[in-house]
Amino acid sequence: MNERMKLEMGPTLVDRINSIPLSETDRLIAVDAMRSARLLVDGWLWISRKVGQLGSGGFLKATPQH
């Protein structure tokens, strides 16, 4: 499980979590919170890129008034 966490979250973050004196349950809660935060940020970045793509395609551009 530790190697999988290092692949998902990066070795620096996993080492920092492991260096803190926590129970195994608290450690798993911390890892789950970090994973959830990463998914949330990835989702927001995906949405912002899609909105940017729509904007560059003319969807959000202002049209001249007649």
PDB file of N, CA and C in Angstrom:
ATOM      1  N   MET A   1       0.828  -1.189   0.000  1.00  0.00           N
ATOM      2  CA  MET A   1       0.000   0.000   0.000  1.00  0.00           C
ATOM      3  C   MET A   1       0.872   1.253   0.000  1.00  0.00           C
ATOM      4  N   ASN A   2       1.995   1.205   0.667  1.00  0.00           N
ATOM      5  CA  ASN A   2       2.854   2.372   0.750  1.00  0.00           C
ATOM      6  C   ASN A   2       3.413   2.749  -0.618  1.00  0.00           C
ATOM      7  N   GLU A   3       3.788   1.775  -1.421  1.00  0.00           N
ATOM      8  CA  GLU A   3       4.305   2.068  -2.762  1.00  0.00           C
ATOM      9  C   GLU A   3       3.212   2.635  -3.656  1.00  0.00           C
ATOM     10  N   ARG A   4       1.994   2.126  -3.527  1.00  0.00           N
ATOM     11  CA  ARG A   4       0.886   2.657  -4.319  1.00  0.00           C
ATOM     12  C   ARG A   4       0.604   4.108  -3.947  1.00  0.00           C
ATOM     13  N   MET A   5       0.671   4.406  -2.643  1.00  0.00           N
ATOM     14  CA  MET A   5       0.455   5.791  -2.206  1.00  0.00           C
ATOM     15  C   MET A   5       1.537   6.700  -2.763  1.00  0.00           C
ATOM     16  N   LYS A   6       2.781   6.222  -2.784  1.00  0.00           N
ATOM     17  CA  LYS A   6       3.863   7.045  -3.313  1.00  0.00           C
ATOM     18  C   LYS A   6       3.672   7.315  -4.799  1.00  0.00           C
ATOM     19  N   LEU A   7       3.151   6.344  -5.530  1.00  0.00           N
ATOM     20  CA  LEU A   7       2.892   6.561  -6.954  1.00  0.00           C
ATOM     21  C   LEU A   7       1.755   7.550  -7.162  1.00  0.00           C
ATOM     22  N   GLU A   8       0.712   7.452  -6.350  1.00  0.00           N
ATOM     23  CA  GLU A   8      -0.454   8.325  -6.508  1.00  0.00           C
ATOM     24  C   GLU A   8      -0.187   9.745  -6.031  1.00  0.00           C
ATOM     25  N   MET A   9       0.462   9.886  -4.895  1.00  0.00           N
ATOM     26  CA  MET A   9       0.563  11.192  -4.245  1.00  0.00           C
ATOM     27  C   MET A   9       1.961  11.792  -4.298  1.00  0.00           C
ATOM     28  N   GLY A  10       2.935  11.021  -4.654  1.00  0.00           N
ATOM     29  CA  GLY A  10       4.298  11.519  -4.667  1.00  0.00           C
ATOM     30  C   GLY A  10       5.021  11.135  -3.392  1.00  0.00           C
ATOM     31  N   PRO A  11       6.299  10.826  -3.507  1.00  0.00           N
ATOM     32  CA  PRO A  11       7.042  10.339  -2.343  1.00  0.00           C
ATOM     33  C   PRO A  11       7.216  11.382  -1.245  1.00  0.00           C
ATOM     34  N   THR A  12       7.318  12.649  -1.598  1.00  0.00           N
ATOM     35  CA  THR A  12       7.533  13.679  -0.580  1.00  0.00           C
ATOM     36  C   THR A  12       6.344  13.783   0.357  1.00  0.00           C
ATOM     37  N   LEU A  13       5.148  13.797  -0.189  1.00  0.00           N
ATOM     38  CA  LEU A  13       3.945  13.918   0.626  1.00  0.00           C
ATOM     39  C   LEU A  13       3.748  12.689   1.501  1.00  0.00           C
ATOM     40  N   VAL A  14       3.969  11.511   0.953  1.00  0.00           N
ATOM     41  CA  VAL A  14       3.805  10.286   1.740  1.00  0.00           C
ATOM     42  C   VAL A  14       4.837  10.240   2.861  1.00  0.00           C
ATOM     43  N   ASP A  15       6.066  10.641   2.595  1.00  0.00           N
ATOM     44  CA  ASP A  15       7.094  10.659   3.631  1.00  0.00           C
ATOM     45  C   ASP A  15       6.744  11.655   4.732  1.00  0.00           C
ATOM     46  N   ARG A  16       6.176  12.790   4.366  1.00  0.00           N
ATOM     47  CA  ARG A  16       5.768  13.781   5.383  1.00  0.00           C
ATOM     48  C   ARG A  16       4.651  13.243   6.250  1.00  0.00           C
ATOM     49  N   ILE A  17       3.666  12.563   5.638  1.00  0.00           N
ATOM     50  CA  ILE A  17       2.572  11.979   6.420  1.00  0.00           C
ATOM     51  C   ILE A  17       3.103  10.874   7.327  1.00  0.00           C
ATOM     52  N   ASN A  18       4.034  10.061   6.815  1.00  0.00           N
ATOM     53  CA  ASN A  18       4.592   8.978   7.619  1.00  0.00           C
ATOM     54  C   ASN A  18       5.477   9.483   8.750  1.00  0.00           C
ATOM     55  N   SER A  19       6.038  10.690   8.621  1.00  0.00           N
ATOM     56  CA  SER A  19       6.916  11.220   9.659  1.00  0.00           C
ATOM     57  C   SER A  19       6.137  11.767  10.854  1.00  0.00           C
ATOM     58  N   ILE A  20       4.857  12.011  10.677  1.00  0.00           N
ATOM     59  CA  ILE A  20       4.023  12.538  11.762  1.00  0.00           C
ATOM     60  C   ILE A  20       3.564  11.379  12.629  1.00  0.00           C
ATOM     61  N   PRO A  21       3.668  11.515  13.962  1.00  0.00           N
ATOM     62  CA  PRO A  21       3.222  10.420  14.827  1.00  0.00           C
ATOM     63  C   PRO A  21       1.687  10.321  14.855  1.00  0.00           C
ATOM     64  N   LEU A  22       1.161   9.414  14.055  1.00  0.00           N
ATOM     65  CA  LEU A  22      -0.279   9.201  13.965  1.00  0.00           C
ATOM     66  C   LEU A  22      -0.583   7.717  14.119  1.00  0.00           C
ATOM     67  N   SER A  23      -1.804   7.441  14.549  1.00  0.00           N
ATOM     68  CA  SER A  23      -2.242   6.051  14.535  1.00  0.00           C
ATOM     69  C   SER A  23      -2.489   5.652  13.080  1.00  0.00           C
ATOM     70  N   GLU A  24      -2.569   4.366  12.840  1.00  0.00           N
ATOM     71  CA  GLU A  24      -2.785   3.897  11.467  1.00  0.00           C
ATOM     72  C   GLU A  24      -4.117   4.410  10.920  1.00  0.00           C
ATOM     73  N   THR A  25      -5.133   4.474  11.766  1.00  0.00           N
ATOM     74  CA  THR A  25      -6.436   4.984  11.327  1.00  0.00           C
ATOM     75  C   THR A  25      -6.349   6.448  10.929  1.00  0.00           C
ATOM     76  N   ASP A  26      -5.680   7.256  11.760  1.00  0.00           N
ATOM     77  CA  ASP A  26      -5.528   8.678  11.442  1.00  0.00           C
ATOM     78  C   ASP A  26      -4.680   8.876  10.191  1.00  0.00           C
ATOM     79  N   ARG A  27      -3.687   8.026   9.998  1.00  0.00           N
ATOM     80  CA  ARG A  27      -2.845   8.113   8.815  1.00  0.00           C
ATOM     81  C   ARG A  27      -3.669   7.837   7.556  1.00  0.00           C
ATOM     82  N   LEU A  28      -4.526   6.824   7.610  1.00  0.00           N
ATOM     83  CA  LEU A  28      -5.381   6.514   6.460  1.00  0.00           C
ATOM     84  C   LEU A  28      -6.382   7.631   6.187  1.00  0.00           C
ATOM     85  N   ILE A  29      -6.878   8.253   7.251  1.00  0.00           N
ATOM     86  CA  ILE A  29      -7.794   9.389   7.082  1.00  0.00           C
ATOM     87  C   ILE A  29      -7.074  10.548   6.409  1.00  0.00           C
ATOM     88  N   ALA A  30      -5.826  10.809   6.825  1.00  0.00           N
ATOM     89  CA  ALA A  30      -5.042  11.895   6.222  1.00  0.00           C
ATOM     90  C   ALA A  30      -4.771  11.609   4.751  1.00  0.00           C
ATOM     91  N   VAL A  31      -4.415  10.381   4.431  1.00  0.00           N
ATOM     92  CA  VAL A  31      -4.152  10.018   3.035  1.00  0.00           C
ATOM     93  C   VAL A  31      -5.422  10.140   2.208  1.00  0.00           C
ATOM     94  N   ASP A  32      -6.547   9.706   2.759  1.00  0.00           N
ATOM     95  CA  ASP A  32      -7.813   9.811   2.036  1.00  0.00           C
ATOM     96  C   ASP A  32      -8.196  11.273   1.806  1.00  0.00           C
ATOM     97  N   ALA A  33      -7.951  12.127   2.798  1.00  0.00           N
ATOM     98  CA  ALA A  33      -8.248  13.556   2.636  1.00  0.00           C
ATOM     99  C   ALA A  33      -7.374  14.173   1.547  1.00  0.00           C
ATOM    100  N   MET A  34      -6.107  13.788   1.491  1.00  0.00           N
ATOM    101  CA  MET A  34      -5.223  14.304   0.454  1.00  0.00           C
ATOM    102  C   MET A  34      -5.652  13.817  -0.924  1.00  0.00           C
ATOM    103  N   ARG A  35      -6.069  12.570  -0.993  1.00  0.00           N
ATOM    104  CA  ARG A  35      -6.537  12.027  -2.274  1.00  0.00           C
ATOM    105  C   ARG A  35      -7.808  12.754  -2.728  1.00  0.00           C
ATOM    106  N   SER A  36      -8.722  13.000  -1.795  1.00  0.00           N
ATOM    107  CA  SER A  36      -9.956  13.714  -2.138  1.00  0.00           C
ATOM    108  C   SER A  36      -9.660  15.141  -2.592  1.00  0.00           C
ATOM    109  N   ALA A  37      -8.724  15.802  -1.912  1.00  0.00           N
ATOM    110  CA  ALA A  37      -8.360  17.164  -2.296  1.00  0.00           C
ATOM    111  C   ALA A  37      -7.748  17.186  -3.687  1.00  0.00           C
ATOM    112  N   ARG A  38      -6.927  16.202  -3.974  1.00  0.00           N
ATOM    113  CA  ARG A  38      -6.308  16.150  -5.306  1.00  0.00           C
ATOM    114  C   ARG A  38      -7.353  15.935  -6.393  1.00  0.00           C
ATOM    115  N   LEU A  39      -8.325  15.059  -6.133  1.00  0.00           N
ATOM    116  CA  LEU A  39      -9.393  14.837  -7.105  1.00  0.00           C
ATOM    117  C   LEU A  39     -10.218  16.096  -7.321  1.00  0.00           C
ATOM    118  N   LEU A  40     -10.477  16.830  -6.244  1.00  0.00           N
ATOM    119  CA  LEU A  40     -11.246  18.070  -6.357  1.00  0.00           C
ATOM    120  C   LEU A  40     -10.491  19.103  -7.192  1.00  0.00           C
ATOM    121  N   VAL A  41      -9.205  19.259  -6.937  1.00  0.00           N
ATOM    122  CA  VAL A  41      -8.403  20.215  -7.703  1.00  0.00           C
ATOM    123  C   VAL A  41      -8.315  19.785  -9.168  1.00  0.00           C
ATOM    124  N   ASP A  42      -8.105  18.489  -9.407  1.00  0.00           N
ATOM    125  CA  ASP A  42      -8.057  18.002 -10.789  1.00  0.00           C
ATOM    126  C   ASP A  42      -9.377  18.267 -11.508  1.00  0.00           C
ATOM    127  N   GLY A  43     -10.490  18.104 -10.799  1.00  0.00           N
ATOM    128  CA  GLY A  43     -11.795  18.380 -11.395  1.00  0.00           C
ATOM    129  C   GLY A  43     -11.960  19.846 -11.759  1.00  0.00           C
ATOM    130  N   TRP A  44     -11.555  20.735 -10.850  1.00  0.00           N
ATOM    131  CA  TRP A  44     -11.666  22.166 -11.134  1.00  0.00           C
ATOM    132  C   TRP A  44     -10.762  22.569 -12.293  1.00  0.00           C
ATOM    133  N   LEU A  45      -9.573  21.991 -12.356  1.00  0.00           N
ATOM    134  CA  LEU A  45      -8.682  22.306 -13.475  1.00  0.00           C
ATOM    135  C   LEU A  45      -9.272  21.816 -14.792  1.00  0.00           C
ATOM    136  N   TRP A  46      -9.879  20.654 -14.785  1.00  0.00           N
ATOM    137  CA  TRP A  46     -10.494  20.114 -15.992  1.00  0.00           C
ATOM    138  C   TRP A  46     -11.625  21.033 -16.453  1.00  0.00           C
ATOM    139  N   ILE A  47     -12.463  21.457 -15.505  1.00  0.00           N
ATOM    140  CA  ILE A  47     -13.579  22.354 -15.844  1.00  0.00           C
ATOM    141  C   ILE A  47     -13.048  23.676 -16.403  1.00  0.00           C
ATOM    142  N   SER A  48     -12.019  24.235 -15.762  1.00  0.00           N
ATOM    143  CA  SER A  48     -11.508  25.524 -16.253  1.00  0.00           C
ATOM    144  C   SER A  48     -10.898  25.388 -17.645  1.00  0.00           C
ATOM    145  N   ARG A  49     -10.250  24.260 -17.930  1.00  0.00           N
ATOM    146  CA  ARG A  49      -9.714  24.056 -19.283  1.00  0.00           C
ATOM    147  C   ARG A  49     -10.834  23.923 -20.301  1.00  0.00           C
ATOM    148  N   LYS A  50     -11.892  23.215 -19.951  1.00  0.00           N
ATOM    149  CA  LYS A  50     -13.010  23.043 -20.877  1.00  0.00           C
ATOM    150  C   LYS A  50     -13.691  24.378 -21.147  1.00  0.00           C
ATOM    151  N   VAL A  51     -13.868  25.193 -20.124  1.00  0.00           N
ATOM    152  CA  VAL A  51     -14.469  26.517 -20.321  1.00  0.00           C
ATOM    153  C   VAL A  51     -13.557  27.360 -21.203  1.00  0.00           C
ATOM    154  N   GLY A  52     -12.248  27.261 -20.995  1.00  0.00           N
ATOM    155  CA  GLY A  52     -11.302  27.988 -21.842  1.00  0.00           C
ATOM    156  C   GLY A  52     -11.359  27.533 -23.288  1.00  0.00           C
ATOM    157  N   GLN A  53     -11.519  26.221 -23.494  1.00  0.00           N
ATOM    158  CA  GLN A  53     -11.638  25.712 -24.856  1.00  0.00           C
ATOM    159  C   GLN A  53     -12.920  26.196 -25.508  1.00  0.00           C
ATOM    160  N   LEU A  54     -13.997  26.238 -24.755  1.00  0.00           N
ATOM    161  CA  LEU A  54     -15.250  26.742 -25.314  1.00  0.00           C
ATOM    162  C   LEU A  54     -15.122  28.220 -25.658  1.00  0.00           C
ATOM    163  N   GLY A  55     -14.434  28.969 -24.790  1.00  0.00           N
ATOM    164  CA  GLY A  55     -14.254  30.402 -25.032  1.00  0.00           C
ATOM    165  C   GLY A  55     -13.406  30.677 -26.245  1.00  0.00           C
ATOM    166  N   SER A  56     -12.399  29.893 -26.470  1.00  0.00           N
ATOM    167  CA  SER A  56     -11.540  30.141 -27.624  1.00  0.00           C
ATOM    168  C   SER A  56     -12.217  29.720 -28.924  1.00  0.00           C
ATOM    169  N   GLY A  57     -13.224  28.876 -28.819  1.00  0.00           N
ATOM    170  CA  GLY A  57     -13.933  28.436 -30.012  1.00  0.00           C
ATOM    171  C   GLY A  57     -15.042  29.374 -30.437  1.00  0.00           C
ATOM    172  N   GLY A  58     -15.213  30.460 -29.744  1.00  0.00           N
ATOM    173  CA  GLY A  58     -16.225  31.424 -30.125  1.00  0.00           C
ATOM    174  C   GLY A  58     -17.501  31.337 -29.301  1.00  0.00           C
ATOM    175  N   PHE A  59     -17.608  30.339 -28.457  1.00  0.00           N
ATOM    176  CA  PHE A  59     -18.833  30.175 -27.666  1.00  0.00           C
ATOM    177  C   PHE A  59     -19.038  31.307 -26.702  1.00  0.00           C
ATOM    178  N   LEU A  60     -17.970  31.784 -26.073  1.00  0.00           N
ATOM    179  CA  LEU A  60     -18.094  32.834 -25.066  1.00  0.00           C
ATOM    180  C   LEU A  60     -17.634  34.195 -25.573  1.00  0.00           C
ATOM    181  N   LYS A  61     -17.336  34.314 -26.866  1.00  0.00           N
ATOM    182  CA  LYS A  61     -16.878  35.600 -27.386  1.00  0.00           C
ATOM    183  C   LYS A  61     -18.053  36.548 -27.560  1.00  0.00           C
ATOM    184  N   ALA A  62     -17.781  37.806 -27.365  1.00  0.00           N
ATOM    185  CA  ALA A  62     -18.823  38.823 -27.550  1.00  0.00           C
ATOM    186  C   ALA A  62     -19.093  39.000 -29.031  1.00  0.00           C
ATOM    187  N   THR A  63     -20.345  39.164 -29.361  1.00  0.00           N
ATOM    188  CA  THR A  63     -20.716  39.394 -30.748  1.00  0.00           C
ATOM    189  C   THR A  63     -20.981  40.894 -30.945  1.00  0.00           C
ATOM    190  N   PRO A  64     -20.687  41.410 -32.120  1.00  0.00           N
ATOM    191  CA  PRO A  64     -20.956  42.832 -32.361  1.00  0.00           C
ATOM    192  C   PRO A  64     -22.458  43.083 -32.387  1.00  0.00           C
ATOM    193  N   GLN A  65     -22.848  44.229 -31.865  1.00  0.00           N
ATOM    194  CA  GLN A  65     -24.255  44.613 -31.849  1.00  0.00           C
ATOM    195  C   GLN A  65     -24.643  45.187 -33.210  1.00  0.00           C
ATOM    196  N   HIS A  66     -25.794  44.836 -33.672  1.00  0.00           N
ATOM    197  CA  HIS A  66     -26.278  45.328 -34.964  1.00  0.00           C
ATOM    198  C   HIS A  66     -27.004  46.627 -34.802  1.00  0.00           C
TER     199      HIS A  66
END
